[in-house]
Amino acid sequence: MDVKDIIVKRFTELCSARNMKINELANISGVTPSTAYSMMDPSRRDVSIRTIKKFCDGLEITLGEFFSTKDFDDLEQEIK
């Protein structure tokens, strides 16, 4: 998995734990549902840290809490 896949997986898990759909998260985070769905689309590779921060705000978690998972810790170096 690459970093975008893990970001999508993490938001999916957090939404599922709260019985929330991604468009609901978008609405409470001040992000358009189309931005949320495009982020979740596997064919699109760009994810902005600003959108991640807004989603974290909507979930009432910090960026540190979001990124503090084994999946993020185990990511391979991007520069080889």
N, C-alpha and C. Protein backbone atom coordinates (compact mmCIF):
# COMPACT_ATOMS: atom_id res chain seq x y z
N MET A 1 0.84 -1.18 0.00
CA MET A 1 0.00 0.00 0.00
C MET A 1 0.88 1.25 0.00
N ASP A 2 0.41 2.28 -0.68
CA ASP A 2 1.14 3.54 -0.64
C ASP A 2 0.43 4.48 0.34
N VAL A 3 1.00 5.67 0.51
CA VAL A 3 0.49 6.59 1.51
C VAL A 3 -0.96 6.99 1.25
N LYS A 4 -1.34 7.20 -0.01
CA LYS A 4 -2.73 7.58 -0.29
C LYS A 4 -3.68 6.45 0.08
N ASP A 5 -3.31 5.22 -0.23
CA ASP A 5 -4.15 4.08 0.12
C ASP A 5 -4.37 4.01 1.63
N ILE A 6 -3.31 4.29 2.38
CA ILE A 6 -3.42 4.22 3.84
C ILE A 6 -4.27 5.37 4.38
N ILE A 7 -4.16 6.55 3.78
CA ILE A 7 -5.01 7.67 4.18
C ILE A 7 -6.47 7.33 3.95
N VAL A 8 -6.78 6.80 2.79
CA VAL A 8 -8.17 6.42 2.47
C VAL A 8 -8.64 5.33 3.43
N LYS A 9 -7.81 4.35 3.67
CA LYS A 9 -8.15 3.26 4.60
C LYS A 9 -8.43 3.82 5.99
N ARG A 10 -7.60 4.73 6.43
CA ARG A 10 -7.76 5.31 7.78
C ARG A 10 -9.07 6.08 7.90
N PHE A 11 -9.39 6.92 6.91
CA PHE A 11 -10.65 7.65 6.97
C PHE A 11 -11.84 6.70 6.87
N THR A 12 -11.72 5.67 6.08
CA THR A 12 -12.80 4.68 5.97
C THR A 12 -13.04 4.00 7.32
N GLU A 13 -11.96 3.63 7.99
CA GLU A 13 -12.07 2.99 9.31
C GLU A 13 -12.68 3.94 10.34
N LEU A 14 -12.22 5.19 10.35
CA LEU A 14 -12.74 6.16 11.31
C LEU A 14 -14.22 6.46 11.08
N CYS A 15 -14.61 6.57 9.82
CA CYS A 15 -16.03 6.80 9.50
C CYS A 15 -16.87 5.59 9.89
N SER A 16 -16.37 4.42 9.58
CA SER A 16 -17.10 3.18 9.90
C SER A 16 -17.30 3.06 11.41
N ALA A 17 -16.28 3.37 12.19
CA ALA A 17 -16.37 3.29 13.65
C ALA A 17 -17.42 4.24 14.21
N ARG A 18 -17.70 5.30 13.45
CA ARG A 18 -18.68 6.30 13.89
C ARG A 18 -20.02 6.17 13.15
N ASN A 19 -20.17 5.08 12.38
CA ASN A 19 -21.38 4.89 11.55
C ASN A 19 -21.67 6.11 10.70
N MET A 20 -20.62 6.60 10.03
CA MET A 20 -20.70 7.82 9.25
C MET A 20 -20.28 7.54 7.81
N LYS A 21 -20.94 8.15 6.88
CA LYS A 21 -20.55 8.05 5.48
C LYS A 21 -19.57 9.18 5.16
N ILE A 22 -18.79 8.98 4.11
CA ILE A 22 -17.77 9.97 3.77
C ILE A 22 -18.39 11.33 3.43
N ASN A 23 -19.59 11.34 2.83
CA ASN A 23 -20.22 12.63 2.52
C ASN A 23 -20.67 13.34 3.80
N GLU A 24 -21.02 12.59 4.84
CA GLU A 24 -21.35 13.20 6.12
C GLU A 24 -20.12 13.85 6.74
N LEU A 25 -19.00 13.14 6.65
CA LEU A 25 -17.74 13.69 7.15
C LEU A 25 -17.39 14.96 6.39
N ALA A 26 -17.57 14.95 5.09
CA ALA A 26 -17.30 16.14 4.28
C ALA A 26 -18.14 17.31 4.76
N ASN A 27 -19.41 17.07 4.97
CA ASN A 27 -20.32 18.15 5.38
C ASN A 27 -19.93 18.75 6.73
N ILE A 28 -19.60 17.92 7.71
CA ILE A 28 -19.26 18.48 9.02
C ILE A 28 -17.85 19.08 9.03
N SER A 29 -17.05 18.75 8.02
CA SER A 29 -15.68 19.24 7.93
C SER A 29 -15.54 20.48 7.07
N GLY A 30 -16.62 20.90 6.42
CA GLY A 30 -16.55 22.06 5.55
C GLY A 30 -15.88 21.78 4.22
N VAL A 31 -15.94 20.53 3.79
CA VAL A 31 -15.35 20.09 2.53
C VAL A 31 -16.50 19.66 1.63
N THR A 32 -16.41 19.95 0.33
CA THR A 32 -17.48 19.51 -0.55
C THR A 32 -17.46 17.99 -0.68
N PRO A 33 -18.64 17.37 -0.78
CA PRO A 33 -18.68 15.92 -0.98
C PRO A 33 -17.89 15.49 -2.21
N SER A 34 -17.86 16.31 -3.26
CA SER A 34 -17.10 15.92 -4.46
C SER A 34 -15.60 15.84 -4.16
N THR A 35 -15.10 16.72 -3.30
CA THR A 35 -13.70 16.65 -2.89
C THR A 35 -13.44 15.37 -2.11
N ALA A 36 -14.36 15.04 -1.23
CA ALA A 36 -14.22 13.81 -0.44
C ALA A 36 -14.22 12.58 -1.33
N TYR A 37 -15.17 12.52 -2.26
CA TYR A 37 -15.25 11.35 -3.14
C TYR A 37 -14.04 11.27 -4.07
N SER A 38 -13.53 12.41 -4.52
CA SER A 38 -12.36 12.36 -5.39
C SER A 38 -11.13 11.89 -4.61
N MET A 39 -11.05 12.25 -3.34
CA MET A 39 -9.95 11.77 -2.51
C MET A 39 -10.03 10.25 -2.34
N MET A 40 -11.23 9.74 -2.22
CA MET A 40 -11.41 8.30 -2.01
C MET A 40 -11.24 7.49 -3.30
N ASP A 41 -11.27 8.16 -4.44
CA ASP A 41 -11.15 7.50 -5.74
C ASP A 41 -9.72 6.97 -5.94
N PRO A 42 -9.56 5.66 -6.13
CA PRO A 42 -8.22 5.09 -6.27
C PRO A 42 -7.45 5.58 -7.49
N SER A 43 -8.14 6.08 -8.50
CA SER A 43 -7.43 6.53 -9.70
C SER A 43 -6.83 7.94 -9.52
N ARG A 44 -7.25 8.66 -8.48
CA ARG A 44 -6.71 10.00 -8.22
C ARG A 44 -5.67 9.90 -7.13
N ARG A 45 -4.55 10.48 -7.36
CA ARG A 45 -3.43 10.30 -6.44
C ARG A 45 -3.21 11.47 -5.49
N ASP A 46 -3.79 12.63 -5.76
CA ASP A 46 -3.51 13.79 -4.94
C ASP A 46 -4.43 13.88 -3.73
N VAL A 47 -3.82 14.07 -2.58
CA VAL A 47 -4.54 14.30 -1.34
C VAL A 47 -3.85 15.47 -0.65
N SER A 48 -4.59 16.51 -0.34
CA SER A 48 -3.94 17.66 0.30
C SER A 48 -3.96 17.52 1.81
N ILE A 49 -2.91 18.00 2.44
CA ILE A 49 -2.84 17.98 3.90
C ILE A 49 -3.92 18.87 4.49
N ARG A 50 -4.30 19.92 3.79
CA ARG A 50 -5.38 20.79 4.27
C ARG A 50 -6.70 20.03 4.35
N THR A 51 -7.00 19.19 3.36
CA THR A 51 -8.23 18.38 3.39
C THR A 51 -8.16 17.36 4.52
N ILE A 52 -7.00 16.74 4.69
CA ILE A 52 -6.83 15.78 5.78
C ILE A 52 -7.08 16.49 7.12
N LYS A 53 -6.53 17.69 7.28
CA LYS A 53 -6.71 18.45 8.52
C LYS A 53 -8.18 18.78 8.76
N LYS A 54 -8.88 19.20 7.71
CA LYS A 54 -10.30 19.51 7.86
C LYS A 54 -11.09 18.27 8.26
N PHE A 55 -10.79 17.13 7.66
CA PHE A 55 -11.46 15.89 8.03
C PHE A 55 -11.16 15.52 9.48
N CYS A 56 -9.91 15.70 9.89
CA CYS A 56 -9.56 15.42 11.29
C CYS A 56 -10.33 16.35 12.22
N ASP A 57 -10.44 17.62 11.85
CA ASP A 57 -11.23 18.56 12.65
C ASP A 57 -12.68 18.08 12.76
N GLY A 58 -13.24 17.63 11.65
CA GLY A 58 -14.61 17.12 11.66
C GLY A 58 -14.77 15.89 12.53
N LEU A 59 -13.74 15.09 12.61
CA LEU A 59 -13.76 13.89 13.45
C LEU A 59 -13.33 14.19 14.89
N GLU A 60 -12.92 15.43 15.12
CA GLU A 60 -12.44 15.88 16.43
C GLU A 60 -11.24 15.07 16.91
N ILE A 61 -10.29 14.88 15.97
CA ILE A 61 -9.03 14.24 16.31
C ILE A 61 -7.91 15.13 15.79
N THR A 62 -6.72 14.93 16.31
CA THR A 62 -5.57 15.71 15.85
C THR A 62 -4.92 15.00 14.66
N LEU A 63 -4.08 15.74 13.95
CA LEU A 63 -3.31 15.11 12.88
C LEU A 63 -2.42 14.02 13.46
N GLY A 64 -1.88 14.26 14.65
CA GLY A 64 -1.04 13.24 15.30
C GLY A 64 -1.80 11.96 15.54
N GLU A 65 -3.04 12.07 16.01
CA GLU A 65 -3.87 10.88 16.23
C GLU A 65 -4.17 10.18 14.90
N PHE A 66 -4.43 10.97 13.88
CA PHE A 66 -4.73 10.38 12.57
C PHE A 66 -3.56 9.56 12.05
N PHE A 67 -2.37 10.13 12.12
CA PHE A 67 -1.19 9.48 11.53
C PHE A 67 -0.52 8.48 12.47
N SER A 68 -0.98 8.37 13.69
CA SER A 68 -0.35 7.48 14.66
C SER A 68 -0.91 6.07 14.55
N THR A 69 -0.53 5.40 13.47
CA THR A 69 -0.95 4.01 13.26
C THR A 69 0.23 3.20 12.73
N LYS A 70 0.14 1.91 12.89
CA LYS A 70 1.18 1.02 12.39
C LYS A 70 1.32 1.12 10.88
N ASP A 71 0.21 1.28 10.16
CA ASP A 71 0.27 1.40 8.70
C ASP A 71 1.16 2.57 8.28
N PHE A 72 1.00 3.72 8.92
CA PHE A 72 1.84 4.87 8.57
C PHE A 72 3.28 4.63 9.00
N ASP A 73 3.47 4.04 10.18
CA ASP A 73 4.82 3.76 10.66
C ASP A 73 5.57 2.80 9.74
N ASP A 74 4.85 1.89 9.11
CA ASP A 74 5.49 0.85 8.28
C ASP A 74 5.69 1.26 6.82
N LEU A 75 5.31 2.48 6.45
CA LEU A 75 5.48 2.92 5.07
C LEU A 75 6.95 2.88 4.67
N GLU A 76 7.20 2.47 3.45
CA GLU A 76 8.57 2.45 2.92
C GLU A 76 9.00 3.87 2.56
N GLN A 77 10.27 4.09 2.52
CA GLN A 77 10.82 5.37 2.09
C GLN A 77 10.37 5.69 0.67
N GLU A 78 9.98 6.93 0.42
CA GLU A 78 9.60 7.36 -0.92
C GLU A 78 10.84 7.59 -1.78
N ILE A 79 11.92 8.02 -1.15
CA ILE A 79 13.16 8.29 -1.87
C ILE A 79 14.04 7.06 -1.78
N LYS A 80 14.42 6.57 -2.92
CA LYS A 80 15.26 5.36 -2.94
C LYS A 80 16.58 5.65 -3.57
